[in-house]
């Protein structure tokens, strides 16, 4: 009856949370046609796909494939990385870990190119989960440590808690139970401080697993049931199936077969409805073991055959998905190569345009320089012509001045010639008479004629004085010239 009550309550809880979840999806779908911008449309498709991963992975897959196609058409790397991450989550829920890993690696590559440390840290965390499930613990630990380093660098408290839980899973898988409990409790306290119900559910299940490994079944049962209640409240189908399966496995280990049967049947029902193949397979294997131990060999055979059929189906699906994934990777790489080729062409065109631009700039600079030189030459030519004109004017003025000066000098020379001629003829006559009369005055024989000689000397002297006056006037007129 207790198990029946748990199942009823879980169904009621799923109904309430499912309505809220579906309401959010309906709201996003209703507003989707109005989103015109291709990048915003990809982001909204990714949001819808994320919500669908909790309710219907088939619908999530349809949405995310559309998102991947649109993101590639728009060359929107961030949107493509998010869509590939969601695709990885879808295949993780289906327990198809090979395909999930392929999508995660593609997403990780894009996040690294974008230097999106948050996206990179989440992918590393998801990869750590897969490697823990596959018991590749060292690889899981490496991814978890890388993830926690990035999250601490970014100050992402929730991300650190998620990575701590992966490390706790690593410690559990390697038998380091004390470290696993400490790390799990640290993660749980972080989740509670952040009021993160999803994280609380995961941490409770992880701690319950540690106690179950140590065969402390009462403590394990307490943590498993707390984790189940949290998962039911938030409609985390993956955690609900994991909780049912862990409780069934634990009761089987305690040989409480009725309780084990109820929880394992509940696991198969939820896992089958939500395509959580890994949990469905393991639940069938445990149920077959349960019936084998109770002696119900027909039921054991039935579940063994059902298990074989399901595993074959999963193997076939995984093969198809691997082929599809390889095809997707091939197409992606092909488009990347084409994009790289186009980028090289564009780069060459940019280089050619840059070269032509440089040549044009140099030509303009040279033209401007030649224009400046021509302008300078024209100005110099004008200045030279002006100077030549001034020189010609000066030459003409100089010639006029020389001509005038020559005429002046010629006039002076003429005056001087006249002066010399006048001096030679006019002055010499009176002077010669004076000299002659002086000689006559010296003679004794002519003493009685001295008076007449003096008169004559007086006349000659007056004549000479007049000549000198005339010479002075001529000299004055010459100076004025």
Protein backbone atom coordinates (compact mmCIF):
# COMPACT_ATOMS: atom_id res chain seq x y z
CA UNK A 1 0.00 0.00 0.00
CA UNK A 2 2.85 2.40 0.78
CA UNK A 3 4.32 1.84 -2.64
CA UNK A 4 0.91 2.36 -4.23
CA UNK A 5 0.50 5.64 -2.33
CA UNK A 6 3.94 6.80 -3.50
CA UNK A 7 3.03 6.04 -7.10
CA UNK A 8 -0.31 7.86 -6.81
CA UNK A 9 1.31 10.91 -5.27
CA UNK A 10 4.02 10.86 -7.92
CA UNK A 11 1.40 10.78 -10.69
CA UNK A 12 -0.47 13.71 -9.07
CA UNK A 13 2.78 15.62 -8.68
CA UNK A 14 3.68 14.96 -12.28
CA UNK A 15 0.27 16.18 -13.40
CA UNK A 16 0.58 19.52 -11.59
CA UNK A 17 4.15 20.21 -12.66
CA UNK A 18 3.42 18.86 -16.12
CA UNK A 19 0.64 21.43 -16.57
CA UNK A 20 3.02 24.25 -15.61
CA UNK A 21 5.71 22.86 -17.88
CA UNK A 22 3.35 22.46 -20.83
CA UNK A 23 1.96 25.96 -20.25
CA UNK A 24 5.45 27.41 -20.62
CA UNK A 25 6.07 25.39 -23.80
CA UNK A 26 2.69 26.45 -25.26
CA UNK A 27 3.51 30.08 -24.56
CA UNK A 28 6.86 29.82 -26.35
CA UNK A 29 5.33 27.94 -29.31
CA UNK A 30 2.56 30.54 -29.62
CA UNK A 31 5.02 33.45 -29.78
CA UNK A 32 7.45 31.64 -32.13
CA UNK A 33 5.81 32.67 -35.48
CA UNK A 34 6.18 36.35 -34.55
CA UNK A 35 9.97 36.00 -34.14
CA UNK A 36 11.43 37.27 -37.42
CA UNK A 37 15.09 37.70 -36.53
CA UNK A 38 16.87 34.39 -37.41
CA UNK A 39 19.18 34.49 -34.40
CA UNK A 40 16.36 35.17 -31.93
CA UNK A 41 14.33 32.38 -33.55
CA UNK A 42 17.19 29.91 -32.98
CA UNK A 43 17.41 30.99 -29.34
CA UNK A 44 13.68 30.50 -28.83
CA UNK A 45 13.76 27.08 -30.51
CA UNK A 46 16.56 26.10 -28.14
CA UNK A 47 14.48 27.25 -25.15
CA UNK A 48 11.52 25.16 -26.32
CA UNK A 49 13.74 22.12 -26.90
CA UNK A 50 15.24 22.51 -23.41
CA UNK A 51 11.77 22.39 -21.82
CA UNK A 52 10.81 19.40 -23.96
CA UNK A 53 13.83 17.39 -22.75
CA UNK A 54 12.01 17.08 -19.40
CA UNK A 55 8.69 15.98 -20.87
CA UNK A 56 9.11 14.56 -24.39
CA UNK A 57 12.52 13.87 -25.90
CA UNK A 58 10.89 13.08 -29.26
CA UNK A 59 9.43 16.60 -29.48
CA UNK A 60 12.70 18.00 -28.18
CA UNK A 61 14.57 16.20 -30.97
CA UNK A 62 12.27 17.64 -33.67
CA UNK A 63 12.72 21.18 -32.34
CA UNK A 64 16.46 20.95 -31.86
CA UNK A 65 17.05 19.58 -35.37
CA UNK A 66 15.23 22.61 -36.78
CA UNK A 67 17.32 24.84 -34.55
CA UNK A 68 20.57 23.22 -35.75
CA UNK A 69 19.57 23.72 -39.40
CA UNK A 70 18.59 27.37 -38.91
CA UNK A 71 21.69 28.14 -36.85
CA UNK A 72 23.93 26.78 -39.61
CA UNK A 73 22.08 28.75 -42.29
CA UNK A 74 22.50 31.95 -40.26
CA UNK A 75 26.14 31.11 -39.32
CA UNK A 76 25.08 31.61 -35.70
CA UNK A 77 27.79 29.78 -33.74
CA UNK A 78 26.42 30.46 -30.25
CA UNK A 79 22.95 29.20 -31.20
CA UNK A 80 24.45 26.16 -32.95
CA UNK A 81 26.59 25.32 -29.90
CA UNK A 82 23.52 25.52 -27.63
CA UNK A 83 21.46 23.37 -30.01
CA UNK A 84 24.19 20.71 -30.24
CA UNK A 85 24.42 20.67 -26.44
CA UNK A 86 20.65 20.09 -26.20
CA UNK A 87 20.94 17.28 -28.78
CA UNK A 88 23.60 15.71 -26.55
CA UNK A 89 21.22 15.94 -23.58
CA UNK A 90 18.46 14.23 -25.60
CA UNK A 91 20.69 11.27 -26.45
CA UNK A 92 21.98 11.19 -22.87
CA UNK A 93 18.39 10.83 -21.62
CA UNK A 94 17.92 8.00 -24.13
CA UNK A 95 21.10 6.39 -22.78
CA UNK A 96 22.63 6.61 -26.28
CA UNK A 97 25.95 7.83 -24.95
CA UNK A 98 28.00 7.53 -28.13
CA UNK A 99 25.74 9.93 -30.00
CA UNK A 100 25.49 12.17 -26.92
CA UNK A 101 29.29 12.32 -26.71
CA UNK A 102 29.61 13.21 -30.40
CA UNK A 103 27.19 16.12 -30.05
CA UNK A 104 28.86 17.28 -26.84
CA UNK A 105 32.28 17.33 -28.51
CA UNK A 106 30.92 19.36 -31.45
CA UNK A 107 29.34 21.81 -29.02
CA UNK A 108 32.53 21.99 -26.94
CA UNK A 109 34.58 22.89 -30.03
CA UNK A 110 32.26 25.81 -30.83
CA UNK A 111 32.20 27.06 -27.24
CA UNK A 112 36.02 27.01 -27.21
CA UNK A 113 36.13 29.02 -30.46
CA UNK A 114 33.66 31.52 -29.00
CA UNK A 115 35.59 31.64 -25.70
CA UNK A 116 32.26 30.94 -23.98
CA UNK A 117 33.61 29.59 -20.70
CA UNK A 118 30.13 29.01 -19.28
CA UNK A 119 29.07 26.79 -22.18
CA UNK A 120 32.45 25.04 -22.16
CA UNK A 121 32.16 24.27 -18.43
CA UNK A 122 28.66 22.79 -18.84
CA UNK A 123 29.77 20.49 -21.66
CA UNK A 124 32.78 19.31 -19.66
CA UNK A 125 30.42 18.53 -16.77
CA UNK A 126 28.08 16.57 -19.06
CA UNK A 127 30.99 14.61 -20.51
CA UNK A 128 32.13 13.79 -16.95
CA UNK A 129 28.67 12.33 -16.26
CA UNK A 130 28.88 10.06 -19.31
CA UNK A 131 32.39 8.82 -18.48
CA UNK A 132 31.31 8.12 -14.89
CA UNK A 133 28.39 6.03 -16.18
CA UNK A 134 30.76 4.13 -18.47
CA UNK A 135 33.10 3.59 -15.48
CA UNK A 136 35.88 5.56 -17.19
CA UNK A 137 36.54 7.32 -13.91
CA UNK A 138 39.91 8.95 -14.57
CA UNK A 139 38.64 10.61 -17.74
CA UNK A 140 35.49 11.66 -15.87
CA UNK A 141 37.60 13.16 -13.07
CA UNK A 142 39.72 15.11 -15.58
CA UNK A 143 36.64 16.65 -17.22
CA UNK A 144 35.06 17.41 -13.84
CA UNK A 145 38.20 19.21 -12.60
CA UNK A 146 38.43 21.26 -15.80
CA UNK A 147 34.75 22.16 -15.46
CA UNK A 148 35.04 23.21 -11.81
CA UNK A 149 38.12 25.31 -12.59
CA UNK A 150 36.26 27.29 -15.26
CA UNK A 151 33.19 27.72 -13.04
CA UNK A 152 35.23 29.00 -10.10
CA UNK A 153 37.02 31.41 -12.40
CA UNK A 154 33.63 32.75 -13.55
CA UNK A 155 32.16 32.82 -10.02
CA UNK A 156 29.44 30.32 -11.03
CA UNK A 157 28.33 28.87 -7.66
CA UNK A 158 25.68 26.61 -9.19
CA UNK A 159 28.14 25.31 -11.77
CA UNK A 160 30.69 24.58 -9.03
CA UNK A 161 28.04 22.57 -7.17
CA UNK A 162 27.28 20.53 -10.32
CA UNK A 163 30.95 19.76 -10.85
CA UNK A 164 31.41 18.83 -7.18
CA UNK A 165 28.63 16.29 -7.66
CA UNK A 166 30.49 14.79 -10.63
CA UNK A 167 33.62 14.53 -8.49
CA UNK A 168 31.56 12.86 -5.76
CA UNK A 169 30.35 10.38 -8.40
CA UNK A 170 33.99 9.72 -9.31
CA UNK A 171 34.89 9.06 -5.66
CA UNK A 172 31.88 6.71 -5.34
CA UNK A 173 32.89 4.76 -8.44
CA UNK A 174 36.48 4.37 -7.21
CA UNK A 175 35.43 3.29 -3.70
CA UNK A 176 36.55 6.48 -1.89
CA UNK A 177 33.33 6.70 0.08
CA UNK A 178 34.36 9.17 2.80
CA UNK A 179 35.54 11.66 0.19
CA UNK A 180 32.40 10.96 -1.83
CA UNK A 181 30.16 11.76 1.18
CA UNK A 182 32.06 14.96 2.03
CA UNK A 183 31.97 16.19 -1.55
CA UNK A 184 28.31 15.22 -1.98
CA UNK A 185 27.30 16.99 1.25
CA UNK A 186 29.22 20.12 0.15
CA UNK A 187 27.37 20.09 -3.16
CA UNK A 188 24.02 19.56 -1.36
CA UNK A 189 24.62 22.54 0.95
CA UNK A 190 25.48 24.70 -2.06
CA UNK A 191 22.28 23.65 -3.85
CA UNK A 192 20.19 24.39 -0.77
CA UNK A 193 21.80 27.81 -0.42
CA UNK A 194 20.97 28.52 -4.06
CA UNK A 195 17.44 27.04 -3.74
CA UNK A 196 18.14 24.82 -6.74
CA UNK A 197 15.63 21.94 -6.60
CA UNK A 198 17.17 20.03 -9.51
CA UNK A 199 20.59 20.07 -7.88
CA UNK A 200 19.15 19.09 -4.50
CA UNK A 201 17.50 16.04 -6.11
CA UNK A 202 20.75 14.98 -7.80
CA UNK A 203 22.80 15.47 -4.62
CA UNK A 204 20.36 13.45 -2.48
CA UNK A 205 20.48 10.53 -4.93
CA UNK A 206 24.27 10.70 -5.07
CA UNK A 207 24.61 10.60 -1.28
CA UNK A 208 22.06 7.74 -1.16
CA UNK A 209 24.21 5.83 -3.66
CA UNK A 210 27.27 6.19 -1.41
CA UNK A 211 25.36 4.79 1.57
CA UNK A 212 23.96 1.96 -0.58
CA UNK A 213 27.52 1.02 -1.67
CA UNK A 214 28.45 0.81 2.02
CA UNK A 215 25.29 -1.29 2.63
CA UNK A 216 23.89 1.32 5.02
CA UNK A 217 20.42 0.70 3.60
CA UNK A 218 18.32 2.78 6.06
CA UNK A 219 20.41 5.91 5.31
CA UNK A 220 20.37 5.10 1.59
CA UNK A 221 16.57 4.65 1.63
CA UNK A 222 16.10 8.02 3.37
CA UNK A 223 18.21 9.92 0.84
CA UNK A 224 16.73 8.06 -2.15
CA UNK A 225 13.17 8.91 -1.07
CA UNK A 226 14.04 12.54 -0.43
CA UNK A 227 15.61 12.71 -3.87
CA UNK A 228 12.51 11.06 -5.40
CA UNK A 229 10.20 13.61 -3.78
CA UNK A 230 12.33 16.48 -5.12
CA UNK A 231 12.40 14.95 -8.63
CA UNK A 232 8.62 14.44 -8.63
CA UNK A 233 8.02 18.01 -7.49
CA UNK A 234 10.02 19.48 -10.37
CA UNK A 235 9.06 16.78 -12.90
CA UNK A 236 12.62 15.63 -13.54
CA UNK A 237 11.77 12.36 -15.32
CA UNK A 238 15.37 11.23 -15.54
CA UNK A 239 15.83 11.58 -11.79
CA UNK A 240 12.44 9.98 -11.08
CA UNK A 241 13.38 6.85 -13.02
CA UNK A 242 16.84 6.84 -11.45
CA UNK A 243 15.29 7.08 -7.96
CA UNK A 244 12.82 4.25 -8.64
CA UNK A 245 15.58 2.07 -10.07
CA UNK A 246 17.98 2.70 -7.15
CA UNK A 247 15.24 1.91 -4.62
CA UNK A 248 14.32 -1.26 -6.52
CA UNK A 249 17.98 -2.31 -6.76
CA UNK A 250 18.51 -1.66 -3.05
CA UNK A 251 15.43 -3.67 -1.99
CA UNK A 252 16.56 -6.47 -4.30
CA UNK A 253 19.95 -6.50 -2.53
CA UNK A 254 18.06 -6.81 0.80
CA UNK A 255 15.92 -9.61 -0.68
CA UNK A 256 12.74 -7.57 -0.15
CA UNK A 257 11.37 -8.77 -3.45
CA UNK A 258 7.86 -7.28 -3.31
CA UNK A 259 9.18 -3.77 -2.73
CA UNK A 260 11.89 -4.34 -5.34
CA UNK A 261 9.27 -5.48 -7.87
CA UNK A 262 7.04 -2.43 -7.26
CA UNK A 263 9.85 0.09 -7.68
CA UNK A 264 11.37 -1.69 -10.70
CA UNK A 265 7.95 -1.85 -12.43
CA UNK A 266 7.51 1.89 -11.74
CA UNK A 267 10.99 2.46 -13.23
CA UNK A 268 10.07 0.59 -16.44
CA UNK A 269 6.76 2.46 -16.77
CA UNK A 270 8.27 5.96 -16.44
CA UNK A 271 11.41 5.11 -18.44
CA UNK A 272 9.40 3.57 -21.30
CA UNK A 273 7.03 6.54 -21.42
CA UNK A 274 9.88 9.05 -21.60
CA UNK A 275 12.30 6.97 -23.70
CA UNK A 276 14.92 6.68 -20.94
CA UNK A 277 16.38 3.50 -22.35
CA UNK A 278 19.29 2.92 -19.97
CA UNK A 279 17.12 2.91 -16.86
CA UNK A 280 14.53 0.70 -18.63
CA UNK A 281 17.21 -1.83 -19.59
CA UNK A 282 18.70 -1.98 -16.10
CA UNK A 283 15.25 -2.23 -14.48
CA UNK A 284 14.40 -5.19 -16.74
CA UNK A 285 17.70 -6.87 -15.85
CA UNK A 286 17.00 -6.43 -12.13
CA UNK A 287 13.41 -7.69 -12.57
CA UNK A 288 14.66 -10.80 -14.36
CA UNK A 289 17.06 -11.38 -11.45
CA UNK A 290 14.23 -10.75 -8.96
CA UNK A 291 11.98 -13.38 -10.58
CA UNK A 292 14.88 -15.80 -10.89
CA UNK A 293 15.56 -15.56 -7.14
CA UNK A 294 11.87 -16.01 -6.26
CA UNK A 295 11.65 -19.03 -8.52
CA UNK A 296 9.27 -17.48 -11.06
CA UNK A 297 11.30 -18.68 -14.04
CA UNK A 298 8.60 -17.88 -16.63
CA UNK A 299 8.55 -14.24 -15.61
CA UNK A 300 12.36 -14.27 -15.46
CA UNK A 301 12.48 -15.65 -19.01
CA UNK A 302 9.90 -13.10 -20.18
CA UNK A 303 11.93 -10.15 -18.90
CA UNK A 304 15.17 -11.69 -20.17
CA UNK A 305 13.70 -11.89 -23.68
CA UNK A 306 12.18 -8.41 -23.39
CA UNK A 307 15.60 -7.18 -22.26
CA UNK A 308 17.32 -8.79 -25.26
CA UNK A 309 14.75 -7.27 -27.64
CA UNK A 310 15.16 -3.81 -26.09
CA UNK A 311 18.95 -4.03 -26.19
CA UNK A 312 18.80 -5.07 -29.85
CA UNK A 313 16.49 -2.16 -30.56
CA UNK A 314 18.79 0.24 -28.75
CA UNK A 315 21.83 -1.18 -30.57
CA UNK A 316 20.09 -0.76 -33.94
CA UNK A 317 18.98 2.75 -33.05
CA UNK A 318 22.45 3.65 -31.84
CA UNK A 319 23.95 2.38 -35.07
CA UNK A 320 21.52 4.51 -37.08
CA UNK A 321 22.18 7.49 -34.85
CA UNK A 322 25.92 7.01 -35.18
CA UNK A 323 25.55 6.98 -38.97
CA UNK A 324 23.34 10.06 -38.76
CA UNK A 325 25.83 11.71 -36.43
CA UNK A 326 28.72 10.92 -38.76
CA UNK A 327 26.67 12.37 -41.63
CA UNK A 328 25.95 15.49 -39.58
CA UNK A 329 29.62 15.84 -38.72
CA UNK A 330 30.58 15.32 -42.36
CA UNK A 331 28.10 17.95 -43.52
CA UNK A 332 29.22 20.29 -40.77
CA UNK A 333 32.90 19.88 -41.65
CA UNK A 334 32.07 20.23 -45.36
CA UNK A 335 30.25 23.49 -44.68
CA UNK A 336 33.12 24.60 -42.47
CA UNK A 337 35.54 23.89 -45.35
CA UNK A 338 33.32 25.78 -47.79
CA UNK A 339 33.06 28.62 -45.31
CA UNK A 340 36.85 28.59 -44.90
CA UNK A 341 37.26 28.69 -48.70
CA UNK A 342 34.84 31.60 -48.93
CA UNK A 343 36.70 33.34 -46.12
CA UNK A 344 39.99 32.92 -47.99
CA UNK A 345 38.43 34.39 -51.13
CA UNK A 346 37.01 37.29 -49.15
CA UNK A 347 40.38 37.77 -47.45
CA UNK A 348 42.12 37.92 -50.83
CA UNK A 349 39.53 40.39 -52.06
CA UNK A 350 40.10 42.49 -48.97
CA UNK A 351 43.86 42.40 -49.62
CA UNK A 352 43.31 43.41 -53.27
CA UNK A 353 40.95 46.21 -52.24
CA UNK A 354 43.44 47.35 -49.61
CA UNK A 355 46.24 47.35 -52.23
CA UNK A 356 44.16 49.35 -54.71
CA UNK A 357 43.17 51.73 -51.93
CA UNK A 358 46.82 52.28 -50.99
CA UNK A 359 47.72 52.90 -54.64
CA UNK A 360 44.85 55.38 -54.98
CA UNK A 361 45.93 57.16 -51.80
CA UNK A 362 49.52 57.36 -53.07
CA UNK A 363 48.30 58.62 -56.45
CA UNK A 364 46.19 61.28 -54.73
CA UNK A 365 49.14 62.29 -52.57
CA UNK A 366 51.43 62.49 -55.61
CA UNK A 367 48.80 64.44 -57.54
CA UNK A 368 48.43 66.83 -54.64
CA UNK A 369 52.21 67.14 -54.49
CA UNK A 370 52.42 67.84 -58.24
CA UNK A 371 49.59 70.31 -57.93
CA UNK A 372 51.50 72.05 -55.14
CA UNK A 373 54.66 72.06 -57.23
CA UNK A 374 52.80 73.42 -60.28
CA UNK A 375 51.21 76.06 -58.13
CA UNK A 376 54.60 76.95 -56.68
CA UNK A 377 56.09 77.04 -60.18
CA UNK A 378 53.29 79.30 -61.40
CA UNK A 379 53.77 81.59 -58.44
CA UNK A 380 57.55 81.59 -59.00
CA UNK A 381 56.99 82.29 -62.69
CA UNK A 382 54.68 85.21 -61.90
CA UNK A 383 57.20 86.53 -59.39
CA UNK A 384 59.99 86.14 -61.95
CA UNK A 385 57.96 87.93 -64.63
CA UNK A 386 57.18 90.70 -62.18
CA UNK A 387 60.83 90.94 -61.23
CA UNK A 388 61.83 90.90 -64.91
CA UNK A 389 59.35 93.69 -65.56
CA UNK A 390 60.78 95.66 -62.67
CA UNK A 391 64.32 95.01 -63.95
CA UNK A 392 63.30 96.15 -67.44
CA UNK A 393 61.77 99.28 -65.96
CA UNK A 394 64.93 99.84 -63.96
CA UNK A 395 67.00 99.30 -67.12
CA UNK A 396 64.87 101.79 -69.00
CA UNK A 397 65.17 104.29 -66.15
CA UNK A 398 68.89 103.62 -65.97
CA UNK A 399 69.28 104.22 -69.69
CA UNK A 400 67.37 107.46 -69.33
CA UNK A 401 69.49 108.43 -66.36
CA UNK A 402 72.69 107.49 -68.24
CA UNK A 403 71.53 109.45 -71.23
CA UNK A 404 70.70 112.48 -69.12
CA UNK A 405 73.95 112.15 -67.23
CA UNK A 406 75.87 111.82 -70.48
CA UNK A 407 74.20 114.91 -71.81
CA UNK A 408 74.96 116.72 -68.58
CA UNK A 409 78.58 115.60 -68.68
CA UNK A 410 78.80 116.62 -72.35
CA UNK A 411 77.36 120.03 -71.46
CA UNK A 412 79.88 120.42 -68.68
CA UNK A 413 82.67 119.30 -70.91
CA UNK A 414 81.55 121.90 -73.46
CA UNK A 415 81.56 124.50 -70.72
CA UNK A 416 84.98 123.39 -69.63
CA UNK A 417 86.23 123.55 -73.21
CA UNK A 418 84.78 127.02 -73.51
CA UNK A 419 86.33 127.94 -70.19
CA UNK A 420 89.69 126.54 -71.25
CA UNK A 421 89.48 128.36 -74.58
CA UNK A 422 88.38 131.55 -72.89
CA UNK A 423 91.11 131.22 -70.29
CA UNK A 424 93.71 130.48 -72.92
CA UNK A 425 92.78 133.49 -75.05
CA UNK A 426 91.10 136.09 -72.86
CA UNK A 427 93.31 135.84 -69.78
CA UNK A 428 96.56 135.51 -71.60
CA UNK A 429 96.28 138.87 -73.52
CA UNK A 430 95.98 141.22 -70.43
CA UNK A 431 98.51 139.14 -68.51
CA UNK A 432 101.05 139.34 -71.37
CA UNK A 433 100.65 143.12 -71.55
CA UNK A 434 101.12 143.45 -67.80
CA UNK A 435 104.27 141.38 -67.95
CA UNK A 436 105.58 143.43 -70.89
CA UNK A 437 104.91 146.76 -69.14
CA UNK A 438 106.67 145.51 -65.97
CA UNK A 439 109.76 144.75 -68.03
CA UNK A 440 109.64 148.21 -69.62
CA UNK A 441 109.45 149.80 -66.17
CA UNK A 442 112.68 148.13 -65.26
CA UNK A 443 114.60 149.93 -68.03
CA UNK A 444 116.48 153.09 -66.91
CA UNK A 445 116.16 154.68 -70.23
CA UNK A 446 112.38 154.83 -69.91
CA UNK A 447 112.14 156.44 -66.49
CA UNK A 448 110.58 159.54 -67.89
CA UNK A 449 107.81 157.34 -69.31
CA UNK A 450 106.95 155.66 -65.94
CA UNK A 451 103.64 157.41 -65.52
CA UNK A 452 102.44 156.33 -68.90
CA UNK A 453 103.57 152.77 -68.14
CA UNK A 454 101.65 152.83 -64.84
CA UNK A 455 98.53 154.00 -66.60
CA UNK A 456 98.92 151.21 -69.06
CA UNK A 457 99.48 148.71 -66.21
CA UNK A 458 96.32 149.97 -64.55
CA UNK A 459 94.35 149.47 -67.73
CA UNK A 460 95.80 145.95 -68.24
CA UNK A 461 95.03 145.01 -64.61
CA UNK A 462 91.44 146.24 -64.95
CA UNK A 463 91.08 144.26 -68.12
CA UNK A 464 92.45 141.14 -66.38
CA UNK A 465 90.05 141.67 -63.43
CA UNK A 466 87.09 141.81 -65.80
CA UNK A 467 88.24 138.61 -67.48
CA UNK A 468 88.46 136.91 -64.08
CA UNK A 469 84.90 138.02 -63.23
CA UNK A 470 83.65 136.60 -66.52
CA UNK A 471 85.43 133.28 -65.68
CA UNK A 472 83.80 133.20 -62.25
CA UNK A 473 80.34 133.67 -63.75
CA UNK A 474 80.98 130.84 -66.18
CA UNK A 475 82.09 128.59 -63.32
CA UNK A 476 78.93 129.41 -61.36
CA UNK A 477 76.71 128.54 -64.34
CA UNK A 478 78.63 125.26 -64.77
CA UNK A 479 78.00 124.26 -61.11
CA UNK A 480 74.29 124.80 -61.56
CA UNK A 481 74.40 122.22 -64.34
